[in-house]
Amino acid sequence: MREPGARDRLRKYFLEHLGEILDSDTLREAAGTSEWARRVRELRNEEGYQILTHNDRSELKPGQYLLENARFAPQPAFARTISKETRAYVLDRNGFTCQMCGAVAGESHPYDPTRKTRLHIGHIIDKSMGGTDDPANLRALCSVCNEGAQNLTLDRPSSEKLLIQIRRATGADQLKVLEWLIKKFPK
């Protein structure tokens, strides 16, 4: 018999604590993974559990979750349909780099050096807002940005803004940018 996954553990925990406000630390512990927020979204979006957050109820604070009742037959909002090939294409197209913060897969995360950067595929226009699984609507996001994205889309910086930032950087950092550009665009 297989070991229950993080989503199974979270489902069971929510059902055992029906009507109780649960915080993110408790859910992380119950899931046994740092990817707990993604599993909660899967319970909501794919299995139809009405897990409420501060976006749904004003009395809930950020980081608090509530499964009010389970007296309904869960209806999946949509099924996962992104193929392995599409995932590979999007990751390659985005240079295995988070399109929000610039973190690179496998390296220490710039905003949380205690974790290695793990990339996910995120929708630019969320499926709940009519977005599709077409590669043009997909982007690579690190787990930190993906957990906080919630249908946000940042504009790509223009070359002018990038150059301003590079000019402000130290000489050593400017050299790192140059080395990266030479590696990315060999002659």
N, C-alpha and C. Protein backbone atom coordinates (compact mmCIF):
# COMPACT_ATOMS: atom_id res chain seq x y z
N MET A 1 0.85 -1.18 0.00
CA MET A 1 0.00 0.00 0.00
C MET A 1 0.89 1.24 0.00
N ARG A 2 0.52 2.22 -0.80
CA ARG A 2 1.36 3.41 -0.92
C ARG A 2 1.17 4.36 0.27
N GLU A 3 2.23 5.07 0.56
CA GLU A 3 2.23 6.09 1.61
C GLU A 3 1.37 7.27 1.15
N PRO A 4 0.51 7.83 2.03
CA PRO A 4 -0.32 8.97 1.59
C PRO A 4 0.55 10.18 1.25
N GLY A 5 0.19 10.88 0.17
CA GLY A 5 0.92 12.06 -0.25
C GLY A 5 0.49 13.28 0.55
N ALA A 6 1.16 14.40 0.29
CA ALA A 6 0.89 15.64 1.01
C ALA A 6 -0.57 16.08 0.84
N ARG A 7 -1.10 15.94 -0.38
CA ARG A 7 -2.49 16.35 -0.61
C ARG A 7 -3.44 15.48 0.20
N ASP A 8 -3.18 14.17 0.23
CA ASP A 8 -4.02 13.25 1.01
C ASP A 8 -3.96 13.61 2.50
N ARG A 9 -2.75 13.91 2.99
CA ARG A 9 -2.60 14.26 4.41
C ARG A 9 -3.34 15.56 4.72
N LEU A 10 -3.25 16.54 3.83
CA LEU A 10 -3.96 17.81 4.05
C LEU A 10 -5.47 17.62 4.00
N ARG A 11 -5.96 16.85 3.03
CA ARG A 11 -7.41 16.59 2.94
C ARG A 11 -7.90 16.00 4.25
N LYS A 12 -7.18 14.96 4.73
CA LYS A 12 -7.57 14.29 5.97
C LYS A 12 -7.53 15.28 7.15
N TYR A 13 -6.49 16.11 7.21
CA TYR A 13 -6.35 17.07 8.30
C TYR A 13 -7.49 18.10 8.29
N PHE A 14 -7.81 18.62 7.10
CA PHE A 14 -8.92 19.57 7.01
C PHE A 14 -10.23 18.92 7.46
N LEU A 15 -10.47 17.69 7.02
CA LEU A 15 -11.72 17.02 7.39
C LEU A 15 -11.78 16.71 8.88
N GLU A 16 -10.63 16.41 9.49
CA GLU A 16 -10.59 16.17 10.94
C GLU A 16 -10.77 17.46 11.73
N HIS A 17 -10.46 18.61 11.13
CA HIS A 17 -10.56 19.90 11.80
C HIS A 17 -11.57 20.81 11.11
N LEU A 18 -12.67 20.20 10.69
CA LEU A 18 -13.75 20.90 10.01
C LEU A 18 -14.24 22.06 10.87
N GLY A 19 -14.36 23.24 10.27
CA GLY A 19 -14.88 24.41 10.98
C GLY A 19 -13.85 25.12 11.84
N GLU A 20 -12.62 24.60 11.91
CA GLU A 20 -11.56 25.25 12.70
C GLU A 20 -10.69 26.10 11.78
N ILE A 21 -10.25 27.24 12.30
CA ILE A 21 -9.31 28.08 11.55
C ILE A 21 -7.92 27.48 11.74
N LEU A 22 -7.26 27.18 10.62
CA LEU A 22 -5.94 26.57 10.65
C LEU A 22 -4.92 27.55 10.08
N ASP A 23 -3.73 27.59 10.67
CA ASP A 23 -2.71 28.52 10.16
C ASP A 23 -1.71 27.79 9.26
N SER A 24 -0.93 28.57 8.56
CA SER A 24 -0.01 28.02 7.56
C SER A 24 1.05 27.11 8.18
N ASP A 25 1.54 27.44 9.38
CA ASP A 25 2.55 26.59 10.02
C ASP A 25 1.98 25.20 10.33
N THR A 26 0.74 25.18 10.81
CA THR A 26 0.07 23.92 11.12
C THR A 26 -0.12 23.08 9.85
N LEU A 27 -0.52 23.74 8.77
CA LEU A 27 -0.75 23.02 7.52
C LEU A 27 0.56 22.52 6.91
N ARG A 28 1.63 23.32 7.02
CA ARG A 28 2.93 22.88 6.52
C ARG A 28 3.36 21.61 7.25
N GLU A 29 3.15 21.61 8.57
CA GLU A 29 3.51 20.44 9.38
C GLU A 29 2.64 19.23 9.02
N ALA A 30 1.35 19.47 8.85
CA ALA A 30 0.43 18.37 8.51
C ALA A 30 0.77 17.76 7.14
N ALA A 31 1.16 18.63 6.19
CA ALA A 31 1.49 18.16 4.85
C ALA A 31 2.85 17.47 4.80
N GLY A 32 3.75 17.93 5.66
CA GLY A 32 5.09 17.36 5.65
C GLY A 32 5.93 17.82 4.48
N THR A 33 5.61 19.00 3.91
CA THR A 33 6.37 19.51 2.77
C THR A 33 6.27 21.03 2.72
N SER A 34 7.27 21.66 2.13
CA SER A 34 7.21 23.11 1.96
C SER A 34 6.25 23.48 0.83
N GLU A 35 5.79 22.51 0.08
CA GLU A 35 4.87 22.73 -1.04
C GLU A 35 3.40 22.65 -0.60
N TRP A 36 3.15 22.83 0.68
CA TRP A 36 1.80 22.66 1.23
C TRP A 36 0.79 23.62 0.58
N ALA A 37 1.19 24.87 0.28
CA ALA A 37 0.23 25.84 -0.27
C ALA A 37 -0.27 25.39 -1.64
N ARG A 38 0.62 24.81 -2.41
CA ARG A 38 0.21 24.29 -3.72
C ARG A 38 -0.79 23.17 -3.56
N ARG A 39 -0.58 22.30 -2.58
CA ARG A 39 -1.50 21.18 -2.35
C ARG A 39 -2.87 21.70 -1.89
N VAL A 40 -2.88 22.77 -1.09
CA VAL A 40 -4.17 23.37 -0.68
C VAL A 40 -4.89 23.90 -1.91
N ARG A 41 -4.15 24.58 -2.81
CA ARG A 41 -4.78 25.07 -4.05
C ARG A 41 -5.33 23.92 -4.88
N GLU A 42 -4.60 22.80 -4.92
CA GLU A 42 -5.09 21.64 -5.67
C GLU A 42 -6.39 21.11 -5.05
N LEU A 43 -6.47 21.08 -3.72
CA LEU A 43 -7.71 20.64 -3.07
C LEU A 43 -8.86 21.56 -3.46
N ARG A 44 -8.59 22.87 -3.53
CA ARG A 44 -9.62 23.83 -3.90
C ARG A 44 -9.97 23.73 -5.39
N ASN A 45 -8.94 23.81 -6.23
CA ASN A 45 -9.18 23.94 -7.67
C ASN A 45 -9.49 22.63 -8.37
N GLU A 46 -8.84 21.56 -7.95
CA GLU A 46 -9.00 20.30 -8.67
C GLU A 46 -10.04 19.39 -8.03
N GLU A 47 -10.19 19.47 -6.70
CA GLU A 47 -11.14 18.60 -6.03
C GLU A 47 -12.39 19.33 -5.57
N GLY A 48 -12.37 20.66 -5.63
CA GLY A 48 -13.56 21.43 -5.32
C GLY A 48 -13.82 21.71 -3.84
N TYR A 49 -12.86 21.42 -2.96
CA TYR A 49 -13.06 21.72 -1.54
C TYR A 49 -13.10 23.23 -1.36
N GLN A 50 -14.08 23.69 -0.60
CA GLN A 50 -14.26 25.12 -0.39
C GLN A 50 -13.44 25.56 0.83
N ILE A 51 -12.13 25.60 0.64
CA ILE A 51 -11.22 26.02 1.69
C ILE A 51 -11.11 27.53 1.60
N LEU A 52 -11.55 28.21 2.64
CA LEU A 52 -11.64 29.67 2.64
C LEU A 52 -10.35 30.29 3.16
N THR A 53 -10.01 31.49 2.62
CA THR A 53 -8.85 32.27 3.07
C THR A 53 -9.31 33.70 3.35
N HIS A 54 -8.34 34.57 3.65
CA HIS A 54 -8.66 35.98 3.89
C HIS A 54 -9.24 36.65 2.64
N ASN A 55 -9.01 36.06 1.47
CA ASN A 55 -9.62 36.60 0.25
C ASN A 55 -11.11 36.31 0.19
N ASP A 56 -11.54 35.28 0.93
CA ASP A 56 -12.95 34.88 0.91
C ASP A 56 -13.73 35.43 2.11
N ARG A 57 -13.05 35.59 3.23
CA ARG A 57 -13.69 36.02 4.49
C ARG A 57 -12.86 37.09 5.16
N SER A 58 -13.47 38.20 5.50
CA SER A 58 -12.73 39.31 6.11
C SER A 58 -12.21 38.99 7.51
N GLU A 59 -12.87 38.07 8.22
CA GLU A 59 -12.40 37.75 9.57
C GLU A 59 -11.16 36.85 9.59
N LEU A 60 -10.82 36.26 8.44
CA LEU A 60 -9.61 35.44 8.36
C LEU A 60 -8.42 36.33 8.03
N LYS A 61 -7.32 36.08 8.72
CA LYS A 61 -6.09 36.84 8.47
C LYS A 61 -5.28 36.11 7.40
N PRO A 62 -4.36 36.83 6.74
CA PRO A 62 -3.48 36.12 5.79
C PRO A 62 -2.77 34.96 6.49
N GLY A 63 -2.73 33.83 5.82
CA GLY A 63 -2.11 32.65 6.40
C GLY A 63 -3.07 31.79 7.20
N GLN A 64 -4.35 32.14 7.22
CA GLN A 64 -5.36 31.34 7.91
C GLN A 64 -6.29 30.70 6.88
N TYR A 65 -6.69 29.46 7.16
CA TYR A 65 -7.51 28.67 6.24
C TYR A 65 -8.65 28.03 7.03
N LEU A 66 -9.78 27.83 6.34
CA LEU A 66 -10.95 27.26 6.99
C LEU A 66 -11.73 26.42 6.00
N LEU A 67 -11.95 25.16 6.36
CA LEU A 67 -12.89 24.31 5.63
C LEU A 67 -14.14 24.28 6.48
N GLU A 68 -15.13 25.03 6.05
CA GLU A 68 -16.33 25.24 6.85
C GLU A 68 -17.20 23.99 6.94
N ASN A 69 -17.42 23.34 5.79
CA ASN A 69 -18.22 22.13 5.80
C ASN A 69 -17.80 21.24 4.64
N ALA A 70 -18.10 19.99 4.77
CA ALA A 70 -17.77 19.03 3.71
C ALA A 70 -19.03 18.28 3.30
N ARG A 71 -20.20 18.90 3.47
CA ARG A 71 -21.46 18.24 3.13
C ARG A 71 -21.83 18.45 1.68
N PHE A 72 -20.83 18.50 0.84
CA PHE A 72 -21.08 18.65 -0.58
C PHE A 72 -20.21 17.64 -1.30
N ALA A 73 -20.63 17.30 -2.49
CA ALA A 73 -19.79 16.42 -3.31
C ALA A 73 -18.80 17.31 -4.03
N PRO A 74 -17.51 17.19 -3.73
CA PRO A 74 -16.54 18.08 -4.37
C PRO A 74 -16.63 18.02 -5.90
N GLN A 75 -16.67 19.18 -6.50
CA GLN A 75 -16.69 19.29 -7.95
C GLN A 75 -15.40 19.95 -8.41
N PRO A 76 -14.57 19.23 -9.14
CA PRO A 76 -13.34 19.84 -9.61
C PRO A 76 -13.62 21.07 -10.46
N ALA A 77 -12.88 22.14 -10.21
CA ALA A 77 -13.03 23.35 -11.00
C ALA A 77 -12.47 23.12 -12.40
N PHE A 78 -11.38 22.37 -12.49
CA PHE A 78 -10.79 22.01 -13.77
C PHE A 78 -9.77 20.91 -13.52
N ALA A 79 -9.45 20.22 -14.57
CA ALA A 79 -8.47 19.14 -14.46
C ALA A 79 -7.09 19.64 -14.86
N ARG A 80 -6.06 18.98 -14.34
CA ARG A 80 -4.70 19.30 -14.75
C ARG A 80 -4.51 18.77 -16.16
N THR A 81 -4.08 19.62 -17.06
CA THR A 81 -3.96 19.17 -18.44
C THR A 81 -2.65 19.56 -19.09
N ILE A 82 -1.71 20.14 -18.37
CA ILE A 82 -0.46 20.56 -18.98
C ILE A 82 0.43 19.33 -19.15
N SER A 83 0.79 19.05 -20.39
CA SER A 83 1.58 17.87 -20.68
C SER A 83 3.04 18.06 -20.26
N LYS A 84 3.75 16.94 -20.12
CA LYS A 84 5.18 16.99 -19.79
C LYS A 84 5.94 17.75 -20.86
N GLU A 85 5.56 17.55 -22.12
CA GLU A 85 6.24 18.22 -23.22
C GLU A 85 6.05 19.73 -23.14
N THR A 86 4.82 20.18 -22.82
CA THR A 86 4.57 21.61 -22.69
C THR A 86 5.34 22.18 -21.51
N ARG A 87 5.36 21.46 -20.39
CA ARG A 87 6.14 21.91 -19.23
C ARG A 87 7.61 22.07 -19.60
N ALA A 88 8.16 21.07 -20.28
CA ALA A 88 9.58 21.12 -20.67
C ALA A 88 9.83 22.30 -21.61
N TYR A 89 8.91 22.52 -22.57
CA TYR A 89 9.05 23.62 -23.51
C TYR A 89 9.06 24.97 -22.78
N VAL A 90 8.12 25.18 -21.85
CA VAL A 90 8.01 26.45 -21.13
C VAL A 90 9.25 26.68 -20.26
N LEU A 91 9.68 25.65 -19.56
CA LEU A 91 10.88 25.79 -18.72
C LEU A 91 12.09 26.15 -19.57
N ASP A 92 12.26 25.47 -20.71
CA ASP A 92 13.39 25.76 -21.59
C ASP A 92 13.27 27.17 -22.17
N ARG A 93 12.08 27.53 -22.64
CA ARG A 93 11.86 28.86 -23.21
C ARG A 93 12.18 29.96 -22.21
N ASN A 94 11.85 29.72 -20.93
CA ASN A 94 12.10 30.71 -19.89
C ASN A 94 13.47 30.58 -19.26
N GLY A 95 14.33 29.76 -19.85
CA GLY A 95 15.71 29.64 -19.38
C GLY A 95 15.83 29.07 -17.98
N PHE A 96 14.88 28.22 -17.59
CA PHE A 96 14.87 27.61 -16.25
C PHE A 96 15.04 28.67 -15.16
N THR A 97 14.32 29.79 -15.38
CA THR A 97 14.40 30.96 -14.50
C THR A 97 13.00 31.43 -14.16
N CYS A 98 12.78 31.78 -12.89
CA CYS A 98 11.48 32.32 -12.48
C CYS A 98 11.24 33.64 -13.20
N GLN A 99 10.08 33.77 -13.81
CA GLN A 99 9.76 34.96 -14.59
C GLN A 99 9.27 36.12 -13.73
N MET A 100 9.18 35.93 -12.41
CA MET A 100 8.81 37.03 -11.53
C MET A 100 10.01 37.59 -10.78
N CYS A 101 10.84 36.71 -10.21
CA CYS A 101 11.94 37.20 -9.37
C CYS A 101 13.32 36.92 -9.97
N GLY A 102 13.40 36.09 -11.01
CA GLY A 102 14.67 35.80 -11.65
C GLY A 102 15.46 34.68 -11.02
N ALA A 103 14.91 33.98 -10.03
CA ALA A 103 15.62 32.86 -9.39
C ALA A 103 15.84 31.75 -10.41
N VAL A 104 17.00 31.10 -10.30
CA VAL A 104 17.38 30.05 -11.25
C VAL A 104 17.18 28.69 -10.60
N ALA A 105 16.62 27.74 -11.35
CA ALA A 105 16.35 26.39 -10.85
C ALA A 105 17.62 25.77 -10.28
N GLY A 106 17.49 25.18 -9.08
CA GLY A 106 18.59 24.47 -8.45
C GLY A 106 19.53 25.33 -7.62
N GLU A 107 19.51 26.64 -7.81
CA GLU A 107 20.37 27.53 -7.03
C GLU A 107 19.62 27.97 -5.77
N SER A 108 20.36 28.53 -4.79
CA SER A 108 19.71 29.07 -3.60
C SER A 108 18.76 30.17 -4.01
N HIS A 109 17.59 30.21 -3.38
CA HIS A 109 16.60 31.22 -3.73
C HIS A 109 17.06 32.58 -3.21
N PRO A 110 16.96 33.66 -4.03
CA PRO A 110 17.45 34.97 -3.59
C PRO A 110 16.70 35.55 -2.39
N TYR A 111 15.43 35.19 -2.20
CA TYR A 111 14.66 35.74 -1.09
C TYR A 111 14.57 34.78 0.09
N ASP A 112 14.97 33.55 -0.10
CA ASP A 112 14.96 32.55 0.97
C ASP A 112 16.14 31.61 0.75
N PRO A 113 17.36 32.05 1.16
CA PRO A 113 18.58 31.27 0.88
C PRO A 113 18.59 29.88 1.51
N THR A 114 17.64 29.59 2.42
CA THR A 114 17.61 28.27 3.05
C THR A 114 17.02 27.22 2.12
N ARG A 115 16.39 27.63 1.01
CA ARG A 115 15.81 26.66 0.09
C ARG A 115 16.39 26.81 -1.30
N LYS A 116 16.46 25.68 -1.97
CA LYS A 116 16.87 25.66 -3.38
C LYS A 116 15.66 26.07 -4.22
N THR A 117 15.92 26.73 -5.31
CA THR A 117 14.84 27.18 -6.18
C THR A 117 14.25 25.99 -6.93
N ARG A 118 12.93 25.82 -6.79
CA ARG A 118 12.18 24.81 -7.55
C ARG A 118 11.21 25.56 -8.44
N LEU A 119 11.20 25.20 -9.71
CA LEU A 119 10.33 25.89 -10.65
C LEU A 119 9.04 25.11 -10.90
N HIS A 120 7.98 25.86 -11.10
CA HIS A 120 6.66 25.33 -11.43
C HIS A 120 6.20 26.03 -12.69
N ILE A 121 5.14 25.55 -13.26
CA ILE A 121 4.52 26.20 -14.41
C ILE A 121 3.30 26.95 -13.89
N GLY A 122 3.25 28.24 -14.16
CA GLY A 122 2.12 29.07 -13.73
C GLY A 122 1.43 29.70 -14.92
N HIS A 123 0.17 30.01 -14.74
CA HIS A 123 -0.61 30.67 -15.79
C HIS A 123 -0.44 32.18 -15.69
N ILE A 124 -0.30 32.85 -16.81
CA ILE A 124 -0.25 34.31 -16.84
C ILE A 124 -1.65 34.83 -16.55
N ILE A 125 -2.63 34.34 -17.31
CA ILE A 125 -4.04 34.61 -16.99
C ILE A 125 -4.56 33.31 -16.40
N ASP A 126 -4.93 33.34 -15.12
CA ASP A 126 -5.32 32.13 -14.40
C ASP A 126 -6.52 31.46 -15.07
N LYS A 127 -6.56 30.13 -14.93
CA LYS A 127 -7.68 29.38 -15.51
C LYS A 127 -9.01 29.83 -14.93
N SER A 128 -9.00 30.24 -13.65
CA SER A 128 -10.24 30.70 -13.03
C SER A 128 -10.74 32.00 -13.66
N MET A 129 -9.85 32.68 -14.40
CA MET A 129 -10.22 33.94 -15.06
C MET A 129 -10.30 33.75 -16.58
N GLY A 130 -10.36 32.49 -17.02
CA GLY A 130 -10.53 32.21 -18.44
C GLY A 130 -9.24 31.91 -19.19
N GLY A 131 -8.11 31.82 -18.50
CA GLY A 131 -6.85 31.51 -19.16
C GLY A 131 -6.81 30.07 -19.65
N THR A 132 -5.89 29.79 -20.56
CA THR A 132 -5.77 28.46 -21.15
C THR A 132 -4.43 27.83 -20.77
N ASP A 133 -4.26 26.57 -21.18
CA ASP A 133 -3.00 25.87 -20.97
C ASP A 133 -2.08 26.01 -22.18
N ASP A 134 -2.35 26.96 -23.05
CA ASP A 134 -1.50 27.21 -24.21
C ASP A 134 -0.15 27.73 -23.72
N PRO A 135 0.97 27.29 -24.31
CA PRO A 135 2.29 27.76 -23.85
C PRO A 135 2.43 29.28 -23.79
N ALA A 136 1.71 30.00 -24.65
CA ALA A 136 1.79 31.46 -24.62
C ALA A 136 1.20 32.03 -23.33
N ASN A 137 0.37 31.26 -22.63
CA ASN A 137 -0.24 31.70 -21.37
C ASN A 137 0.46 31.08 -20.16
N LEU A 138 1.59 30.44 -20.37
CA LEU A 138 2.30 29.77 -19.28
C LEU A 138 3.67 30.39 -19.08
N ARG A 139 4.15 30.32 -17.83
CA ARG A 139 5.49 30.83 -17.51
C ARG A 139 6.08 30.02 -16.37
N ALA A 140 7.38 30.05 -16.28
CA ALA A 140 8.08 29.38 -15.18
C ALA A 140 8.03 30.30 -13.96
N LEU A 141 7.66 29.73 -12.82
CA LEU A 141 7.63 30.47 -11.56
C LEU A 141 8.29 29.61 -10.48
N CYS A 142 9.07 30.25 -9.61
CA CYS A 142 9.64 29.51 -8.49
C CYS A 142 8.53 29.25 -7.46
N SER A 143 8.79 28.32 -6.55
CA SER A 143 7.76 27.98 -5.57
C SER A 143 7.41 29.17 -4.68
N VAL A 144 8.38 30.05 -4.38
CA VAL A 144 8.11 31.22 -3.53
C VAL A 144 7.14 32.16 -4.24
N CYS A 145 7.42 32.49 -5.50
CA CYS A 145 6.53 33.39 -6.25
C CYS A 145 5.20 32.72 -6.58
N ASN A 146 5.23 31.43 -6.90
CA ASN A 146 4.01 30.72 -7.25
C ASN A 146 3.05 30.67 -6.07
N GLU A 147 3.57 30.51 -4.85
CA GLU A 147 2.71 30.47 -3.66
C GLU A 147 2.06 31.81 -3.42
N GLY A 148 2.74 32.90 -3.80
CA GLY A 148 2.19 34.22 -3.54
C GLY A 148 1.59 34.89 -4.75
N ALA A 149 1.62 34.24 -5.91
CA ALA A 149 1.21 34.89 -7.15
C ALA A 149 -0.27 35.26 -7.15
N GLN A 150 -1.14 34.33 -6.88
CA GLN A 150 -2.59 34.56 -6.81
C GLN A 150 -3.10 35.50 -7.89
N ASN A 151 -2.88 35.09 -9.13
CA ASN A 151 -3.39 35.81 -10.29
C ASN A 151 -2.75 37.17 -10.52
N LEU A 152 -1.53 37.37 -10.02
CA LEU A 152 -0.81 38.61 -10.28
C LEU A 152 0.10 38.41 -11.48
N THR A 153 0.27 39.42 -12.27
CA THR A 153 1.18 39.37 -13.39
C THR A 153 2.02 40.63 -13.39
N LEU A 154 3.33 40.46 -13.34
CA LEU A 154 4.23 41.60 -13.41
C LEU A 154 4.63 41.83 -14.86
N ASP A 155 4.74 43.10 -15.23
CA ASP A 155 5.22 43.41 -16.57
C ASP A 155 6.71 43.11 -16.64
N ARG A 156 7.16 42.70 -17.82
CA ARG A 156 8.58 42.48 -18.02
C ARG A 156 9.28 43.84 -18.03
N PRO A 157 10.46 43.91 -17.40
CA PRO A 157 11.16 45.21 -17.42
C PRO A 157 11.68 45.51 -18.82
N SER A 158 11.67 46.78 -19.18
CA SER A 158 12.20 47.19 -20.48
C SER A 158 13.72 47.15 -20.43
N SER A 159 14.36 47.18 -21.60
CA SER A 159 15.82 47.18 -21.64
C SER A 159 16.36 48.42 -20.94
N GLU A 160 15.64 49.53 -21.05
CA GLU A 160 16.08 50.77 -20.40
C GLU A 160 16.12 50.60 -18.87
N LYS A 161 15.07 49.99 -18.31
CA LYS A 161 15.04 49.77 -16.86
C LYS A 161 16.10 48.77 -16.43
N LEU A 162 16.31 47.73 -17.24
CA LEU A 162 17.35 46.75 -16.91
C LEU A 162 18.73 47.42 -16.90
N LEU A 163 18.99 48.24 -17.90
CA LEU A 163 20.29 48.92 -17.96
C LEU A 163 20.49 49.86 -16.77
N ILE A 164 19.44 50.51 -16.35
CA ILE A 164 19.53 51.38 -15.17
C ILE A 164 19.94 50.56 -13.95
N GLN A 165 19.32 49.40 -13.78
CA GLN A 165 19.66 48.55 -12.64
C GLN A 165 21.08 48.02 -12.73
N ILE A 166 21.50 47.64 -13.93
CA ILE A 166 22.87 47.12 -14.10
C ILE A 166 23.88 48.22 -13.82
N ARG A 167 23.60 49.44 -14.27
CA ARG A 167 24.53 50.56 -14.01
C ARG A 167 24.65 50.85 -12.52
N ARG A 168 23.59 50.62 -11.77
CA ARG A 168 23.60 50.87 -10.31
C ARG A 168 24.35 49.79 -9.55
N ALA A 169 24.50 48.61 -10.16
CA ALA A 169 25.14 47.46 -9.49
C ALA A 169 26.65 47.69 -9.36
N THR A 170 27.25 46.89 -8.49
CA THR A 170 28.71 46.95 -8.32
C THR A 170 29.39 46.43 -9.59
N GLY A 171 30.66 46.76 -9.74
CA GLY A 171 31.42 46.28 -10.89
C GLY A 171 31.44 44.76 -10.94
N ALA A 172 31.58 44.12 -9.78
CA ALA A 172 31.60 42.65 -9.74
C ALA A 172 30.27 42.07 -10.23
N ASP A 173 29.16 42.67 -9.80
CA ASP A 173 27.85 42.20 -10.25
C ASP A 173 27.64 42.47 -11.74
N GLN A 174 28.16 43.59 -12.23
CA GLN A 174 28.07 43.88 -13.66
C GLN A 174 28.83 42.83 -14.46
N LEU A 175 29.99 42.41 -13.96
CA LEU A 175 30.75 41.36 -14.64
C LEU A 175 29.99 40.04 -14.66
N LYS A 176 29.30 39.72 -13.56
CA LYS A 176 28.50 38.50 -13.51
C LYS A 176 27.40 38.55 -14.57
N VAL A 177 26.77 39.72 -14.74
CA VAL A 177 25.73 39.87 -15.76
C VAL A 177 26.33 39.67 -17.14
N LEU A 178 27.50 40.26 -17.38
CA LEU A 178 28.17 40.11 -18.66
C LEU A 178 28.51 38.64 -18.93
N GLU A 179 29.04 37.94 -17.93
CA GLU A 179 29.37 36.52 -18.08
C GLU A 179 28.11 35.71 -18.41
N TRP A 180 27.02 36.02 -17.73
CA TRP A 180 25.77 35.31 -17.98
C TRP A 180 25.29 35.56 -19.41
N LEU A 181 25.36 36.83 -19.86
CA LEU A 181 24.92 37.16 -21.22
C LEU A 181 25.78 36.46 -22.27
N ILE A 182 27.08 36.41 -22.04
CA ILE A 182 27.98 35.74 -23.00
C ILE A 182 27.65 34.24 -23.05
N LYS A 183 27.36 33.65 -21.88
CA LYS A 183 27.01 32.23 -21.85
C LYS A 183 25.67 31.99 -22.54
N LYS A 184 24.72 32.88 -22.31
CA LYS A 184 23.38 32.71 -22.88
C LYS A 184 23.37 32.96 -24.40
N PHE A 185 24.18 33.90 -24.86
CA PHE A 185 24.22 34.26 -26.28
C PHE A 185 25.63 34.08 -26.84
N PRO A 186 26.10 32.83 -26.97
CA PRO A 186 27.44 32.63 -27.52
C PRO A 186 27.48 33.04 -29.00
N LYS A 187 28.66 33.41 -29.44
CA LYS A 187 28.78 33.88 -30.84
C LYS A 187 28.55 32.80 -31.83
